[in-house]
Amino acid sequence: MKIFVFLAVKLQVLGVGIDQQAISKIQRNARIITDYEVFCLVKAFGVITDEILQEEA
């Protein structure tokens, strides 16, 4: 759960108003994620967009 708090804070610094509950829903595929949120997640994780959007095998 601490990772959700940390990620929520990083995203808020990037201008995305998202809380840890919303992040949990995204992880469980229970919430749609916007293109802007994807962009900010890429920046927060320090990865490229392809890594975020890659389907699991």
PDB file of N, CA and C in Angstrom:
ATOM      1  N   MET A   1       0.826  -1.202   0.000  1.00  0.00           N
ATOM      2  CA  MET A   1       0.000   0.000   0.000  1.00  0.00           C
ATOM      3  C   MET A   1       0.864   1.258   0.000  1.00  0.00           C
ATOM      4  N   LYS A   2       2.066   1.181   0.574  1.00  0.00           N
ATOM      5  CA  LYS A   2       2.941   2.352   0.605  1.00  0.00           C
ATOM      6  C   LYS A   2       3.307   2.817  -0.797  1.00  0.00           C
ATOM      7  N   ILE A   3       3.443   1.864  -1.715  1.00  0.00           N
ATOM      8  CA  ILE A   3       3.803   2.236  -3.082  1.00  0.00           C
ATOM      9  C   ILE A   3       2.707   3.073  -3.722  1.00  0.00           C
ATOM     10  N   PHE A   4       1.444   2.790  -3.386  1.00  0.00           N
ATOM     11  CA  PHE A   4       0.338   3.573  -3.934  1.00  0.00           C
ATOM     12  C   PHE A   4       0.392   5.011  -3.427  1.00  0.00           C
ATOM     13  N   VAL A   5       0.736   5.189  -2.164  1.00  0.00           N
ATOM     14  CA  VAL A   5       0.847   6.536  -1.592  1.00  0.00           C
ATOM     15  C   VAL A   5       1.985   7.279  -2.278  1.00  0.00           C
ATOM     16  N   PHE A   6       3.132   6.618  -2.413  1.00  0.00           N
ATOM     17  CA  PHE A   6       4.299   7.223  -3.058  1.00  0.00           C
ATOM     18  C   PHE A   6       3.967   7.617  -4.497  1.00  0.00           C
ATOM     19  N   LEU A   7       3.324   6.713  -5.221  1.00  0.00           N
ATOM     20  CA  LEU A   7       2.968   6.983  -6.612  1.00  0.00           C
ATOM     21  C   LEU A   7       1.941   8.109  -6.708  1.00  0.00           C
ATOM     22  N   ALA A   8       0.978   8.118  -5.808  1.00  0.00           N
ATOM     23  CA  ALA A   8      -0.025   9.190  -5.802  1.00  0.00           C
ATOM     24  C   ALA A   8       0.628  10.548  -5.597  1.00  0.00           C
ATOM     25  N   VAL A   9       1.597  10.617  -4.703  1.00  0.00           N
ATOM     26  CA  VAL A   9       2.299  11.876  -4.454  1.00  0.00           C
ATOM     27  C   VAL A   9       3.090  12.297  -5.691  1.00  0.00           C
ATOM     28  N   LYS A  10       3.798  11.349  -6.310  1.00  0.00           N
ATOM     29  CA  LYS A  10       4.563  11.675  -7.529  1.00  0.00           C
ATOM     30  C   LYS A  10       3.649  12.194  -8.624  1.00  0.00           C
ATOM     31  N   LEU A  11       2.488  11.558  -8.796  1.00  0.00           N
ATOM     32  CA  LEU A  11       1.555  11.990  -9.830  1.00  0.00           C
ATOM     33  C   LEU A  11       0.965  13.350  -9.514  1.00  0.00           C
ATOM     34  N   GLN A  12       0.699  13.623  -8.247  1.00  0.00           N
ATOM     35  CA  GLN A  12       0.171  14.931  -7.871  1.00  0.00           C
ATOM     36  C   GLN A  12       1.184  16.029  -8.157  1.00  0.00           C
ATOM     37  N   VAL A  13       2.461  15.741  -7.957  1.00  0.00           N
ATOM     38  CA  VAL A  13       3.517  16.706  -8.286  1.00  0.00           C
ATOM     39  C   VAL A  13       3.526  16.985  -9.790  1.00  0.00           C
ATOM     40  N   LEU A  14       3.190  15.969 -10.590  1.00  0.00           N
ATOM     41  CA  LEU A  14       3.144  16.127 -12.043  1.00  0.00           C
ATOM     42  C   LEU A  14       1.831  16.742 -12.521  1.00  0.00           C
ATOM     43  N   GLY A  15       0.938  17.032 -11.592  1.00  0.00           N
ATOM     44  CA  GLY A  15      -0.307  17.701 -11.946  1.00  0.00           C
ATOM     45  C   GLY A  15      -1.514  16.797 -12.119  1.00  0.00           C
ATOM     46  N   VAL A  16      -1.387  15.539 -11.727  1.00  0.00           N
ATOM     47  CA  VAL A  16      -2.500  14.599 -11.837  1.00  0.00           C
ATOM     48  C   VAL A  16      -3.116  14.419 -10.457  1.00  0.00           C
ATOM     49  N   GLY A  17      -4.365  14.836 -10.305  1.00  0.00           N
ATOM     50  CA  GLY A  17      -5.053  14.694  -9.031  1.00  0.00           C
ATOM     51  C   GLY A  17      -5.606  13.289  -8.886  1.00  0.00           C
ATOM     52  N   ILE A  18      -4.814  12.403  -8.348  1.00  0.00           N
ATOM     53  CA  ILE A  18      -5.195  10.992  -8.223  1.00  0.00           C
ATOM     54  C   ILE A  18      -4.778  10.502  -6.844  1.00  0.00           C
ATOM     55  N   ASP A  19      -5.627   9.694  -6.243  1.00  0.00           N
ATOM     56  CA  ASP A  19      -5.295   9.182  -4.913  1.00  0.00           C
ATOM     57  C   ASP A  19      -4.933   7.702  -4.987  1.00  0.00           C
ATOM     58  N   GLN A  20      -4.528   7.159  -3.844  1.00  0.00           N
ATOM     59  CA  GLN A  20      -4.069   5.776  -3.823  1.00  0.00           C
ATOM     60  C   GLN A  20      -5.178   4.779  -4.142  1.00  0.00           C
ATOM     61  N   GLN A  21      -6.415   5.112  -3.808  1.00  0.00           N
ATOM     62  CA  GLN A  21      -7.537   4.236  -4.128  1.00  0.00           C
ATOM     63  C   GLN A  21      -7.733   4.156  -5.645  1.00  0.00           C
ATOM     64  N   ALA A  22      -7.605   5.272  -6.332  1.00  0.00           N
ATOM     65  CA  ALA A  22      -7.728   5.283  -7.792  1.00  0.00           C
ATOM     66  C   ALA A  22      -6.601   4.484  -8.438  1.00  0.00           C
ATOM     67  N   ILE A  23      -5.402   4.587  -7.905  1.00  0.00           N
ATOM     68  CA  ILE A  23      -4.267   3.818  -8.428  1.00  0.00           C
ATOM     69  C   ILE A  23      -4.522   2.330  -8.254  1.00  0.00           C
ATOM     70  N   SER A  24      -5.063   1.950  -7.119  1.00  0.00           N
ATOM     71  CA  SER A  24      -5.400   0.551  -6.865  1.00  0.00           C
ATOM     72  C   SER A  24      -6.431   0.053  -7.875  1.00  0.00           C
ATOM     73  N   LYS A  25      -7.430   0.884  -8.186  1.00  0.00           N
ATOM     74  CA  LYS A  25      -8.452   0.507  -9.167  1.00  0.00           C
ATOM     75  C   LYS A  25      -7.852   0.354 -10.559  1.00  0.00           C
ATOM     76  N   ILE A  26      -6.914   1.225 -10.911  1.00  0.00           N
ATOM     77  CA  ILE A  26      -6.236   1.125 -12.202  1.00  0.00           C
ATOM     78  C   ILE A  26      -5.487  -0.205 -12.279  1.00  0.00           C
ATOM     79  N   GLN A  27      -4.796  -0.550 -11.209  1.00  0.00           N
ATOM     80  CA  GLN A  27      -4.026  -1.795 -11.183  1.00  0.00           C
ATOM     81  C   GLN A  27      -4.930  -3.018 -11.356  1.00  0.00           C
ATOM     82  N   ARG A  28      -6.143  -2.957 -10.824  1.00  0.00           N
ATOM     83  CA  ARG A  28      -7.084  -4.072 -10.915  1.00  0.00           C
ATOM     84  C   ARG A  28      -7.962  -4.017 -12.160  1.00  0.00           C
ATOM     85  N   ASN A  29      -7.684  -3.071 -13.057  1.00  0.00           N
ATOM     86  CA  ASN A  29      -8.495  -2.857 -14.265  1.00  0.00           C
ATOM     87  C   ASN A  29      -9.942  -2.517 -13.928  1.00  0.00           C
ATOM     88  N   ALA A  30     -10.154  -1.826 -12.824  1.00  0.00           N
ATOM     89  CA  ALA A  30     -11.497  -1.423 -12.410  1.00  0.00           C
ATOM     90  C   ALA A  30     -11.735   0.057 -12.677  1.00  0.00           C
ATOM     91  N   ARG A  31     -10.761   0.719 -13.309  1.00  0.00           N
ATOM     92  CA  ARG A  31     -10.875   2.145 -13.623  1.00  0.00           C
ATOM     93  C   ARG A  31     -10.178   2.413 -14.941  1.00  0.00           C
ATOM     94  N   ILE A  32     -10.804   3.221 -15.763  1.00  0.00           N
ATOM     95  CA  ILE A  32     -10.197   3.621 -17.030  1.00  0.00           C
ATOM     96  C   ILE A  32      -9.128   4.669 -16.743  1.00  0.00           C
ATOM     97  N   ILE A  33      -8.033   4.597 -17.473  1.00  0.00           N
ATOM     98  CA  ILE A  33      -6.940   5.553 -17.303  1.00  0.00           C
ATOM     99  C   ILE A  33      -6.893   6.453 -18.539  1.00  0.00           C
ATOM    100  N   THR A  34      -6.711   7.744 -18.298  1.00  0.00           N
ATOM    101  CA  THR A  34      -6.680   8.701 -19.412  1.00  0.00           C
ATOM    102  C   THR A  34      -5.296   8.741 -20.046  1.00  0.00           C
ATOM    103  N   ASP A  35      -5.243   9.304 -21.244  1.00  0.00           N
ATOM    104  CA  ASP A  35      -3.957   9.432 -21.930  1.00  0.00           C
ATOM    105  C   ASP A  35      -2.997  10.301 -21.125  1.00  0.00           C
ATOM    106  N   TYR A  36      -3.507  11.329 -20.500  1.00  0.00           N
ATOM    107  CA  TYR A  36      -2.659  12.204 -19.694  1.00  0.00           C
ATOM    108  C   TYR A  36      -2.092  11.453 -18.487  1.00  0.00           C
ATOM    109  N   GLU A  37      -2.896  10.603 -17.883  1.00  0.00           N
ATOM    110  CA  GLU A  37      -2.412   9.819 -16.744  1.00  0.00           C
ATOM    111  C   GLU A  37      -1.344   8.823 -17.172  1.00  0.00           C
ATOM    112  N   VAL A  38      -1.508   8.236 -18.363  1.00  0.00           N
ATOM    113  CA  VAL A  38      -0.481   7.323 -18.884  1.00  0.00           C
ATOM    114  C   VAL A  38       0.830   8.071 -19.050  1.00  0.00           C
ATOM    115  N   PHE A  39       0.769   9.248 -19.641  1.00  0.00           N
ATOM    116  CA  PHE A  39       1.970  10.058 -19.838  1.00  0.00           C
ATOM    117  C   PHE A  39       2.664  10.338 -18.495  1.00  0.00           C
ATOM    118  N   CYS A  40       1.896  10.710 -17.497  1.00  0.00           N
ATOM    119  CA  CYS A  40       2.476  11.014 -16.186  1.00  0.00           C
ATOM    120  C   CYS A  40       2.993   9.763 -15.483  1.00  0.00           C
ATOM    121  N   LEU A  41       2.332   8.625 -15.675  1.00  0.00           N
ATOM    122  CA  LEU A  41       2.842   7.370 -15.110  1.00  0.00           C
ATOM    123  C   LEU A  41       4.190   7.010 -15.726  1.00  0.00           C
ATOM    124  N   VAL A  42       4.317   7.220 -17.038  1.00  0.00           N
ATOM    125  CA  VAL A  42       5.588   6.971 -17.721  1.00  0.00           C
ATOM    126  C   VAL A  42       6.685   7.826 -17.086  1.00  0.00           C
ATOM    127  N   LYS A  43       6.391   9.101 -16.866  1.00  0.00           N
ATOM    128  CA  LYS A  43       7.377   9.991 -16.244  1.00  0.00           C
ATOM    129  C   LYS A  43       7.674   9.567 -14.804  1.00  0.00           C
ATOM    130  N   ALA A  44       6.645   9.204 -14.054  1.00  0.00           N
ATOM    131  CA  ALA A  44       6.820   8.822 -12.651  1.00  0.00           C
ATOM    132  C   ALA A  44       7.658   7.558 -12.507  1.00  0.00           C
ATOM    133  N   PHE A  45       7.452   6.585 -13.402  1.00  0.00           N
ATOM    134  CA  PHE A  45       8.197   5.333 -13.337  1.00  0.00           C
ATOM    135  C   PHE A  45       9.548   5.407 -14.041  1.00  0.00           C
ATOM    136  N   GLY A  46       9.742   6.443 -14.866  1.00  0.00           N
ATOM    137  CA  GLY A  46      11.006   6.581 -15.580  1.00  0.00           C
ATOM    138  C   GLY A  46      11.187   5.522 -16.658  1.00  0.00           C
ATOM    139  N   VAL A  47      10.098   5.193 -17.344  1.00  0.00           N
ATOM    140  CA  VAL A  47      10.137   4.195 -18.416  1.00  0.00           C
ATOM    141  C   VAL A  47       9.639   4.834 -19.701  1.00  0.00           C
ATOM    142  N   ILE A  48       9.621   4.036 -20.774  1.00  0.00           N
ATOM    143  CA  ILE A  48       9.074   4.535 -22.031  1.00  0.00           C
ATOM    144  C   ILE A  48       7.625   4.053 -22.166  1.00  0.00           C
ATOM    145  N   THR A  49       6.859   4.728 -22.994  1.00  0.00           N
ATOM    146  CA  THR A  49       5.442   4.431 -23.154  1.00  0.00           C
ATOM    147  C   THR A  49       5.204   2.985 -23.551  1.00  0.00           C
ATOM    148  N   ASP A  50       6.034   2.434 -24.416  1.00  0.00           N
ATOM    149  CA  ASP A  50       5.861   1.040 -24.867  1.00  0.00           C
ATOM    150  C   ASP A  50       5.885   0.070 -23.693  1.00  0.00           C
ATOM    151  N   GLU A  51       6.691   0.343 -22.684  1.00  0.00           N
ATOM    152  CA  GLU A  51       6.765  -0.549 -21.532  1.00  0.00           C
ATOM    153  C   GLU A  51       5.476  -0.516 -20.710  1.00  0.00           C
ATOM    154  N   ILE A  52       4.851   0.637 -20.619  1.00  0.00           N
ATOM    155  CA  ILE A  52       3.605   0.780 -19.870  1.00  0.00           C
ATOM    156  C   ILE A  52       2.451   0.106 -20.618  1.00  0.00           C
ATOM    157  N   LEU A  53       2.434   0.245 -21.942  1.00  0.00           N
ATOM    158  CA  LEU A  53       1.311  -0.238 -22.739  1.00  0.00           C
ATOM    159  C   LEU A  53       1.451  -1.677 -23.216  1.00  0.00           C
ATOM    160  N   GLN A  54       2.559  -2.308 -22.894  1.00  0.00           N
ATOM    161  CA  GLN A  54       2.818  -3.676 -23.343  1.00  0.00           C
ATOM    162  C   GLN A  54       1.831  -4.642 -22.692  1.00  0.00           C
ATOM    163  N   GLU A  55       1.267  -5.527 -23.499  1.00  0.00           N
ATOM    164  CA  GLU A  55       0.351  -6.544 -22.984  1.00  0.00           C
ATOM    165  C   GLU A  55       1.134  -7.647 -22.293  1.00  0.00           C
ATOM    166  N   GLU A  56       0.520  -8.195 -21.253  1.00  0.00           N
ATOM    167  CA  GLU A  56       1.134  -9.336 -20.575  1.00  0.00           C
ATOM    168  C   GLU A  56       0.887 -10.581 -21.400  1.00  0.00           C
ATOM    169  N   ALA A  57       1.861 -11.478 -21.385  1.00  0.00           N
ATOM    170  CA  ALA A  57       1.736 -12.716 -22.162  1.00  0.00           C
ATOM    171  C   ALA A  57       0.828 -13.709 -21.488  1.00  0.00           C
TER     172      ALA A  57
END
